[in-house]
Amino acid sequence: MPLEDYTRHQQGIIKRYYQNAPAIQLQRLGELVSELYLAEGKKRAKKWDAIETALKKLEVPAERIAHLRKQDDPALLANLVKELQK
């Protein structure tokens, strides 16, 4: 749907969303880290899938994502979030 099909107010909301998309993804990643600490079994695997998607959107190298997933350590992921916030 072209941007012209939206009202001026809606266009402003859409533009601000995309301007703040990295910050939104980073916040979501922080929430996922917290959830990962508590997850077990299949839920933990689903959390890792969501984390992997968020990391790709933040343009984290694929090798680093694979390493984090292999280690399966929320502390390493929390350190990455701190690093990305700087």
PDB file of N, CA and C in Angstrom:
ATOM      1  N   MET A   1       0.839  -1.167   0.000  1.00  0.00           N
ATOM      2  CA  MET A   1       0.000   0.000   0.000  1.00  0.00           C
ATOM      3  C   MET A   1       0.891   1.240   0.000  1.00  0.00           C
ATOM      4  N   PRO A   2       0.729   2.095  -0.972  1.00  0.00           N
ATOM      5  CA  PRO A   2       1.553   3.305  -1.038  1.00  0.00           C
ATOM      6  C   PRO A   2       1.304   4.211   0.157  1.00  0.00           C
ATOM      7  N   LEU A   3       2.315   4.961   0.514  1.00  0.00           N
ATOM      8  CA  LEU A   3       2.232   5.861   1.659  1.00  0.00           C
ATOM      9  C   LEU A   3       1.168   6.941   1.450  1.00  0.00           C
ATOM     10  N   GLU A   4       0.871   7.260   0.206  1.00  0.00           N
ATOM     11  CA  GLU A   4      -0.115   8.294  -0.093  1.00  0.00           C
ATOM     12  C   GLU A   4      -1.532   7.873   0.295  1.00  0.00           C
ATOM     13  N   ASP A   5      -1.755   6.573   0.480  1.00  0.00           N
ATOM     14  CA  ASP A   5      -3.080   6.075   0.842  1.00  0.00           C
ATOM     15  C   ASP A   5      -3.396   6.300   2.321  1.00  0.00           C
ATOM     16  N   TYR A   6      -2.431   6.759   3.084  1.00  0.00           N
ATOM     17  CA  TYR A   6      -2.629   7.005   4.507  1.00  0.00           C
ATOM     18  C   TYR A   6      -2.823   8.498   4.748  1.00  0.00           C
ATOM     19  N   THR A   7      -3.482   8.821   5.855  1.00  0.00           N
ATOM     20  CA  THR A   7      -3.637  10.230   6.214  1.00  0.00           C
ATOM     21  C   THR A   7      -2.275  10.781   6.626  1.00  0.00           C
ATOM     22  N   ARG A   8      -2.172  12.082   6.722  1.00  0.00           N
ATOM     23  CA  ARG A   8      -0.916  12.718   7.109  1.00  0.00           C
ATOM     24  C   ARG A   8      -0.495  12.245   8.505  1.00  0.00           C
ATOM     25  N   HIS A   9      -1.469  12.113   9.403  1.00  0.00           N
ATOM     26  CA  HIS A   9      -1.191  11.648  10.763  1.00  0.00           C
ATOM     27  C   HIS A   9      -0.632  10.217  10.738  1.00  0.00           C
ATOM     28  N   GLN A  10      -1.261   9.338   9.960  1.00  0.00           N
ATOM     29  CA  GLN A  10      -0.799   7.958   9.857  1.00  0.00           C
ATOM     30  C   GLN A  10       0.583   7.890   9.228  1.00  0.00           C
ATOM     31  N   GLN A  11       0.840   8.727   8.235  1.00  0.00           N
ATOM     32  CA  GLN A  11       2.153   8.769   7.600  1.00  0.00           C
ATOM     33  C   GLN A  11       3.225   9.151   8.614  1.00  0.00           C
ATOM     34  N   GLY A  12       2.918  10.103   9.483  1.00  0.00           N
ATOM     35  CA  GLY A  12       3.867  10.507  10.513  1.00  0.00           C
ATOM     36  C   GLY A  12       4.174   9.370  11.474  1.00  0.00           C
ATOM     37  N   ILE A  13       3.149   8.633  11.861  1.00  0.00           N
ATOM     38  CA  ILE A  13       3.336   7.490  12.761  1.00  0.00           C
ATOM     39  C   ILE A  13       4.220   6.440  12.101  1.00  0.00           C
ATOM     40  N   ILE A  14       3.963   6.133  10.851  1.00  0.00           N
ATOM     41  CA  ILE A  14       4.737   5.126  10.116  1.00  0.00           C
ATOM     42  C   ILE A  14       6.196   5.560   9.988  1.00  0.00           C
ATOM     43  N   LYS A  15       6.433   6.814   9.652  1.00  0.00           N
ATOM     44  CA  LYS A  15       7.799   7.316   9.510  1.00  0.00           C
ATOM     45  C   LYS A  15       8.560   7.250  10.831  1.00  0.00           C
ATOM     46  N   ARG A  16       7.889   7.651  11.921  1.00  0.00           N
ATOM     47  CA  ARG A  16       8.555   7.602  13.229  1.00  0.00           C
ATOM     48  C   ARG A  16       8.857   6.171  13.647  1.00  0.00           C
ATOM     49  N   TYR A  17       7.956   5.248  13.307  1.00  0.00           N
ATOM     50  CA  TYR A  17       8.206   3.838  13.637  1.00  0.00           C
ATOM     51  C   TYR A  17       9.498   3.369  12.968  1.00  0.00           C
ATOM     52  N   TYR A  18       9.626   3.638  11.683  1.00  0.00           N
ATOM     53  CA  TYR A  18      10.811   3.173  10.963  1.00  0.00           C
ATOM     54  C   TYR A  18      12.070   3.933  11.373  1.00  0.00           C
ATOM     55  N   GLN A  19      11.951   5.166  11.815  1.00  0.00           N
ATOM     56  CA  GLN A  19      13.107   5.893  12.326  1.00  0.00           C
ATOM     57  C   GLN A  19      13.590   5.288  13.639  1.00  0.00           C
ATOM     58  N   ASN A  20      12.662   4.757  14.422  1.00  0.00           N
ATOM     59  CA  ASN A  20      12.998   4.196  15.728  1.00  0.00           C
ATOM     60  C   ASN A  20      13.065   2.672  15.723  1.00  0.00           C
ATOM     61  N   ALA A  21      13.022   2.048  14.570  1.00  0.00           N
ATOM     62  CA  ALA A  21      13.003   0.584  14.483  1.00  0.00           C
ATOM     63  C   ALA A  21      14.192  -0.077  15.188  1.00  0.00           C
ATOM     64  N   PRO A  22      15.423   0.410  15.033  1.00  0.00           N
ATOM     65  CA  PRO A  22      16.534  -0.237  15.748  1.00  0.00           C
ATOM     66  C   PRO A  22      16.366  -0.186  17.272  1.00  0.00           C
ATOM     67  N   ALA A  23      15.909   0.927  17.799  1.00  0.00           N
ATOM     68  CA  ALA A  23      15.706   1.037  19.248  1.00  0.00           C
ATOM     69  C   ALA A  23      14.599   0.091  19.704  1.00  0.00           C
ATOM     70  N   ILE A  24      13.567  -0.044  18.891  1.00  0.00           N
ATOM     71  CA  ILE A  24      12.469  -0.951  19.221  1.00  0.00           C
ATOM     72  C   ILE A  24      12.966  -2.388  19.232  1.00  0.00           C
ATOM     73  N   GLN A  25      13.767  -2.773  18.233  1.00  0.00           N
ATOM     74  CA  GLN A  25      14.314  -4.130  18.172  1.00  0.00           C
ATOM     75  C   GLN A  25      15.243  -4.401  19.348  1.00  0.00           C
ATOM     76  N   LEU A  26      16.013  -3.420  19.722  1.00  0.00           N
ATOM     77  CA  LEU A  26      16.940  -3.579  20.849  1.00  0.00           C
ATOM     78  C   LEU A  26      16.178  -3.768  22.156  1.00  0.00           C
ATOM     79  N   GLN A  27      15.102  -3.030  22.326  1.00  0.00           N
ATOM     80  CA  GLN A  27      14.277  -3.189  23.519  1.00  0.00           C
ATOM     81  C   GLN A  27      13.644  -4.580  23.536  1.00  0.00           C
ATOM     82  N   ARG A  28      13.146  -5.020  22.398  1.00  0.00           N
ATOM     83  CA  ARG A  28      12.539  -6.353  22.297  1.00  0.00           C
ATOM     84  C   ARG A  28      13.576  -7.426  22.600  1.00  0.00           C
ATOM     85  N   LEU A  29      14.789  -7.234  22.130  1.00  0.00           N
ATOM     86  CA  LEU A  29      15.864  -8.191  22.387  1.00  0.00           C
ATOM     87  C   LEU A  29      16.154  -8.284  23.876  1.00  0.00           C
ATOM     88  N   GLY A  30      16.163  -7.159  24.568  1.00  0.00           N
ATOM     89  CA  GLY A  30      16.367  -7.158  26.012  1.00  0.00           C
ATOM     90  C   GLY A  30      15.275  -7.924  26.735  1.00  0.00           C
ATOM     91  N   GLU A  31      14.036  -7.770  26.275  1.00  0.00           N
ATOM     92  CA  GLU A  31      12.928  -8.513  26.865  1.00  0.00           C
ATOM     93  C   GLU A  31      13.079 -10.012  26.624  1.00  0.00           C
ATOM     94  N   LEU A  32      13.534 -10.371  25.429  1.00  0.00           N
ATOM     95  CA  LEU A  32      13.717 -11.783  25.101  1.00  0.00           C
ATOM     96  C   LEU A  32      14.817 -12.413  25.948  1.00  0.00           C
ATOM     97  N   VAL A  33      15.847 -11.648  26.277  1.00  0.00           N
ATOM     98  CA  VAL A  33      16.914 -12.173  27.139  1.00  0.00           C
ATOM     99  C   VAL A  33      16.333 -12.541  28.497  1.00  0.00           C
ATOM    100  N   SER A  34      15.507 -11.662  29.041  1.00  0.00           N
ATOM    101  CA  SER A  34      14.871 -11.942  30.330  1.00  0.00           C
ATOM    102  C   SER A  34      14.012 -13.195  30.257  1.00  0.00           C
ATOM    103  N   GLU A  35      13.262 -13.326  29.175  1.00  0.00           N
ATOM    104  CA  GLU A  35      12.400 -14.491  29.003  1.00  0.00           C
ATOM    105  C   GLU A  35      13.224 -15.762  28.811  1.00  0.00           C
ATOM    106  N   LEU A  36      14.380 -15.633  28.173  1.00  0.00           N
ATOM    107  CA  LEU A  36      15.233 -16.793  27.923  1.00  0.00           C
ATOM    108  C   LEU A  36      15.765 -17.387  29.228  1.00  0.00           C
ATOM    109  N   TYR A  37      16.064 -16.535  30.195  1.00  0.00           N
ATOM    110  CA  TYR A  37      16.544 -17.022  31.492  1.00  0.00           C
ATOM    111  C   TYR A  37      15.537 -17.982  32.130  1.00  0.00           C
ATOM    112  N   LEU A  38      14.255 -17.752  31.894  1.00  0.00           N
ATOM    113  CA  LEU A  38      13.204 -18.536  32.541  1.00  0.00           C
ATOM    114  C   LEU A  38      12.688 -19.700  31.695  1.00  0.00           C
ATOM    115  N   ALA A  39      12.975 -19.692  30.406  1.00  0.00           N
ATOM    116  CA  ALA A  39      12.413 -20.685  29.494  1.00  0.00           C
ATOM    117  C   ALA A  39      13.169 -22.007  29.545  1.00  0.00           C
ATOM    118  N   GLU A  40      12.427 -23.072  29.287  1.00  0.00           N
ATOM    119  CA  GLU A  40      13.003 -24.419  29.233  1.00  0.00           C
ATOM    120  C   GLU A  40      12.370 -25.185  28.082  1.00  0.00           C
ATOM    121  N   GLY A  41      13.089 -26.159  27.574  1.00  0.00           N
ATOM    122  CA  GLY A  41      12.552 -27.063  26.559  1.00  0.00           C
ATOM    123  C   GLY A  41      12.181 -26.381  25.260  1.00  0.00           C
ATOM    124  N   LYS A  42      10.974 -26.692  24.779  1.00  0.00           N
ATOM    125  CA  LYS A  42      10.520 -26.162  23.497  1.00  0.00           C
ATOM    126  C   LYS A  42      10.352 -24.645  23.530  1.00  0.00           C
ATOM    127  N   LYS A  43       9.954 -24.127  24.678  1.00  0.00           N
ATOM    128  CA  LYS A  43       9.795 -22.671  24.794  1.00  0.00           C
ATOM    129  C   LYS A  43      11.138 -21.969  24.633  1.00  0.00           C
ATOM    130  N   ARG A  44      12.180 -22.596  25.144  1.00  0.00           N
ATOM    131  CA  ARG A  44      13.520 -22.011  25.022  1.00  0.00           C
ATOM    132  C   ARG A  44      13.946 -21.965  23.553  1.00  0.00           C
ATOM    133  N   ALA A  45      13.649 -23.024  22.813  1.00  0.00           N
ATOM    134  CA  ALA A  45      13.982 -23.050  21.387  1.00  0.00           C
ATOM    135  C   ALA A  45      13.216 -21.967  20.633  1.00  0.00           C
ATOM    136  N   LYS A  46      11.957 -21.743  20.984  1.00  0.00           N
ATOM    137  CA  LYS A  46      11.166 -20.702  20.331  1.00  0.00           C
ATOM    138  C   LYS A  46      11.715 -19.313  20.662  1.00  0.00           C
ATOM    139  N   LYS A  47      12.165 -19.134  21.907  1.00  0.00           N
ATOM    140  CA  LYS A  47      12.762 -17.849  22.285  1.00  0.00           C
ATOM    141  C   LYS A  47      14.018 -17.599  21.463  1.00  0.00           C
ATOM    142  N   TRP A  48      14.831 -18.648  21.263  1.00  0.00           N
ATOM    143  CA  TRP A  48      16.048 -18.495  20.463  1.00  0.00           C
ATOM    144  C   TRP A  48      15.712 -18.139  19.023  1.00  0.00           C
ATOM    145  N   ASP A  49      14.622 -18.690  18.491  1.00  0.00           N
ATOM    146  CA  ASP A  49      14.207 -18.331  17.131  1.00  0.00           C
ATOM    147  C   ASP A  49      13.873 -16.841  17.051  1.00  0.00           C
ATOM    148  N   ALA A  50      13.138 -16.346  18.043  1.00  0.00           N
ATOM    149  CA  ALA A  50      12.781 -14.929  18.069  1.00  0.00           C
ATOM    150  C   ALA A  50      14.021 -14.057  18.262  1.00  0.00           C
ATOM    151  N   ILE A  51      14.943 -14.510  19.098  1.00  0.00           N
ATOM    152  CA  ILE A  51      16.188 -13.771  19.328  1.00  0.00           C
ATOM    153  C   ILE A  51      17.006 -13.702  18.044  1.00  0.00           C
ATOM    154  N   GLU A  52      17.078 -14.819  17.347  1.00  0.00           N
ATOM    155  CA  GLU A  52      17.828 -14.858  16.090  1.00  0.00           C
ATOM    156  C   GLU A  52      17.243 -13.872  15.082  1.00  0.00           C
ATOM    157  N   THR A  53      15.928 -13.804  14.992  1.00  0.00           N
ATOM    158  CA  THR A  53      15.272 -12.869  14.084  1.00  0.00           C
ATOM    159  C   THR A  53      15.598 -11.425  14.469  1.00  0.00           C
ATOM    160  N   ALA A  54      15.528 -11.123  15.757  1.00  0.00           N
ATOM    161  CA  ALA A  54      15.827  -9.763  16.221  1.00  0.00           C
ATOM    162  C   ALA A  54      17.280  -9.390  15.946  1.00  0.00           C
ATOM    163  N   LEU A  55      18.188 -10.339  16.157  1.00  0.00           N
ATOM    164  CA  LEU A  55      19.604 -10.067  15.903  1.00  0.00           C
ATOM    165  C   LEU A  55      19.866  -9.822  14.425  1.00  0.00           C
ATOM    166  N   LYS A  56      19.178 -10.558  13.560  1.00  0.00           N
ATOM    167  CA  LYS A  56      19.339 -10.345  12.116  1.00  0.00           C
ATOM    168  C   LYS A  56      18.852  -8.954  11.733  1.00  0.00           C
ATOM    169  N   LYS A  57      17.741  -8.511  12.331  1.00  0.00           N
ATOM    170  CA  LYS A  57      17.221  -7.178  12.038  1.00  0.00           C
ATOM    171  C   LYS A  57      18.177  -6.098  12.522  1.00  0.00           C
ATOM    172  N   LEU A  58      18.932  -6.399  13.569  1.00  0.00           N
ATOM    173  CA  LEU A  58      19.928  -5.459  14.081  1.00  0.00           C
ATOM    174  C   LEU A  58      21.268  -5.596  13.358  1.00  0.00           C
ATOM    175  N   GLU A  59      21.305  -6.446  12.348  1.00  0.00           N
ATOM    176  CA  GLU A  59      22.472  -6.643  11.489  1.00  0.00           C
ATOM    177  C   GLU A  59      23.691  -7.170  12.241  1.00  0.00           C
ATOM    178  N   VAL A  60      23.454  -8.082  13.178  1.00  0.00           N
ATOM    179  CA  VAL A  60      24.537  -8.766  13.879  1.00  0.00           C
ATOM    180  C   VAL A  60      25.044  -9.856  12.929  1.00  0.00           C
ATOM    181  N   PRO A  61      26.357 -10.041  12.795  1.00  0.00           N
ATOM    182  CA  PRO A  61      26.892 -11.048  11.876  1.00  0.00           C
ATOM    183  C   PRO A  61      26.358 -12.456  12.177  1.00  0.00           C
ATOM    184  N   ALA A  62      26.112 -13.218  11.122  1.00  0.00           N
ATOM    185  CA  ALA A  62      25.543 -14.564  11.244  1.00  0.00           C
ATOM    186  C   ALA A  62      26.432 -15.486  12.081  1.00  0.00           C
ATOM    187  N   GLU A  63      27.754 -15.325  11.976  1.00  0.00           N
ATOM    188  CA  GLU A  63      28.669 -16.170  12.747  1.00  0.00           C
ATOM    189  C   GLU A  63      28.478 -15.936  14.248  1.00  0.00           C
ATOM    190  N   ARG A  64      28.279 -14.691  14.606  1.00  0.00           N
ATOM    191  CA  ARG A  64      28.099 -14.368  16.028  1.00  0.00           C
ATOM    192  C   ARG A  64      26.762 -14.909  16.537  1.00  0.00           C
ATOM    193  N   ILE A  65      25.735 -14.818  15.715  1.00  0.00           N
ATOM    194  CA  ILE A  65      24.427 -15.362  16.088  1.00  0.00           C
ATOM    195  C   ILE A  65      24.534 -16.866  16.299  1.00  0.00           C
ATOM    196  N   ALA A  66      25.207 -17.545  15.376  1.00  0.00           N
ATOM    197  CA  ALA A  66      25.371 -19.001  15.486  1.00  0.00           C
ATOM    198  C   ALA A  66      26.146 -19.360  16.749  1.00  0.00           C
ATOM    199  N   HIS A  67      27.176 -18.589  17.058  1.00  0.00           N
ATOM    200  CA  HIS A  67      27.970 -18.848  18.266  1.00  0.00           C
ATOM    201  C   HIS A  67      27.117 -18.685  19.526  1.00  0.00           C
ATOM    202  N   LEU A  68      26.327 -17.615  19.581  1.00  0.00           N
ATOM    203  CA  LEU A  68      25.475 -17.381  20.748  1.00  0.00           C
ATOM    204  C   LEU A  68      24.457 -18.501  20.923  1.00  0.00           C
ATOM    205  N   ARG A  69      23.877 -18.922  19.809  1.00  0.00           N
ATOM    206  CA  ARG A  69      22.869 -19.981  19.889  1.00  0.00           C
ATOM    207  C   ARG A  69      23.499 -21.303  20.314  1.00  0.00           C
ATOM    208  N   LYS A  70      24.693 -21.573  19.813  1.00  0.00           N
ATOM    209  CA  LYS A  70      25.388 -22.814  20.173  1.00  0.00           C
ATOM    210  C   LYS A  70      25.729 -22.827  21.667  1.00  0.00           C
ATOM    211  N   GLN A  71      26.183 -21.681  22.188  1.00  0.00           N
ATOM    212  CA  GLN A  71      26.533 -21.587  23.602  1.00  0.00           C
ATOM    213  C   GLN A  71      25.300 -21.664  24.499  1.00  0.00           C
ATOM    214  N   ASP A  72      24.158 -21.183  24.005  1.00  0.00           N
ATOM    215  CA  ASP A  72      22.889 -21.213  24.739  1.00  0.00           C
ATOM    216  C   ASP A  72      23.043 -20.608  26.138  1.00  0.00           C
ATOM    217  N   ASP A  73      23.747 -19.474  26.201  1.00  0.00           N
ATOM    218  CA  ASP A  73      24.009 -18.812  27.476  1.00  0.00           C
ATOM    219  C   ASP A  73      23.382 -17.412  27.464  1.00  0.00           C
ATOM    220  N   PRO A  74      22.332 -17.208  28.263  1.00  0.00           N
ATOM    221  CA  PRO A  74      21.692 -15.887  28.294  1.00  0.00           C
ATOM    222  C   PRO A  74      22.637 -14.770  28.737  1.00  0.00           C
ATOM    223  N   ALA A  75      23.646 -15.084  29.535  1.00  0.00           N
ATOM    224  CA  ALA A  75      24.589 -14.060  29.986  1.00  0.00           C
ATOM    225  C   ALA A  75      25.382 -13.490  28.811  1.00  0.00           C
ATOM    226  N   LEU A  76      25.780 -14.345  27.879  1.00  0.00           N
ATOM    227  CA  LEU A  76      26.494 -13.862  26.691  1.00  0.00           C
ATOM    228  C   LEU A  76      25.596 -12.951  25.862  1.00  0.00           C
ATOM    229  N   LEU A  77      24.346 -13.344  25.761  1.00  0.00           N
ATOM    230  CA  LEU A  77      23.388 -12.544  25.002  1.00  0.00           C
ATOM    231  C   LEU A  77      23.146 -11.205  25.694  1.00  0.00           C
ATOM    232  N   ALA A  78      23.081 -11.205  27.010  1.00  0.00           N
ATOM    233  CA  ALA A  78      22.904  -9.965  27.765  1.00  0.00           C
ATOM    234  C   ALA A  78      24.096  -9.026  27.541  1.00  0.00           C
ATOM    235  N   ASN A  79      25.293  -9.584  27.466  1.00  0.00           N
ATOM    236  CA  ASN A  79      26.481  -8.770  27.182  1.00  0.00           C
ATOM    237  C   ASN A  79      26.405  -8.149  25.791  1.00  0.00           C
ATOM    238  N   LEU A  80      25.884  -8.900  24.834  1.00  0.00           N
ATOM    239  CA  LEU A  80      25.726  -8.370  23.483  1.00  0.00           C
ATOM    240  C   LEU A  80      24.724  -7.229  23.474  1.00  0.00           C
ATOM    241  N   VAL A  81      23.646  -7.369  24.213  1.00  0.00           N
ATOM    242  CA  VAL A  81      22.641  -6.296  24.289  1.00  0.00           C
ATOM    243  C   VAL A  81      23.264  -5.038  24.856  1.00  0.00           C
ATOM    244  N   LYS A  82      24.063  -5.173  25.909  1.00  0.00           N
ATOM    245  CA  LYS A  82      24.759  -4.008  26.487  1.00  0.00           C
ATOM    246  C   LYS A  82      25.684  -3.369  25.461  1.00  0.00           C
ATOM    247  N   GLU A  83      26.370  -4.210  24.715  1.00  0.00           N
ATOM    248  CA  GLU A  83      27.298  -3.719  23.682  1.00  0.00           C
ATOM    249  C   GLU A  83      26.534  -2.948  22.597  1.00  0.00           C
ATOM    250  N   LEU A  84      25.389  -3.468  22.189  1.00  0.00           N
ATOM    251  CA  LEU A  84      24.599  -2.813  21.145  1.00  0.00           C
ATOM    252  C   LEU A  84      23.958  -1.516  21.624  1.00  0.00           C
ATOM    253  N   GLN A  85      23.716  -1.402  22.912  1.00  0.00           N
ATOM    254  CA  GLN A  85      23.097  -0.195  23.448  1.00  0.00           C
ATOM    255  C   GLN A  85      24.058   0.984  23.468  1.00  0.00           C
ATOM    256  N   LYS A  86      25.352   0.734  23.390  1.00  0.00           N
ATOM    257  CA  LYS A  86      26.341   1.821  23.431  1.00  0.00           C
ATOM    258  C   LYS A  86      26.446   2.548  22.134  1.00  0.00           C
TER     259      LYS A  86
END
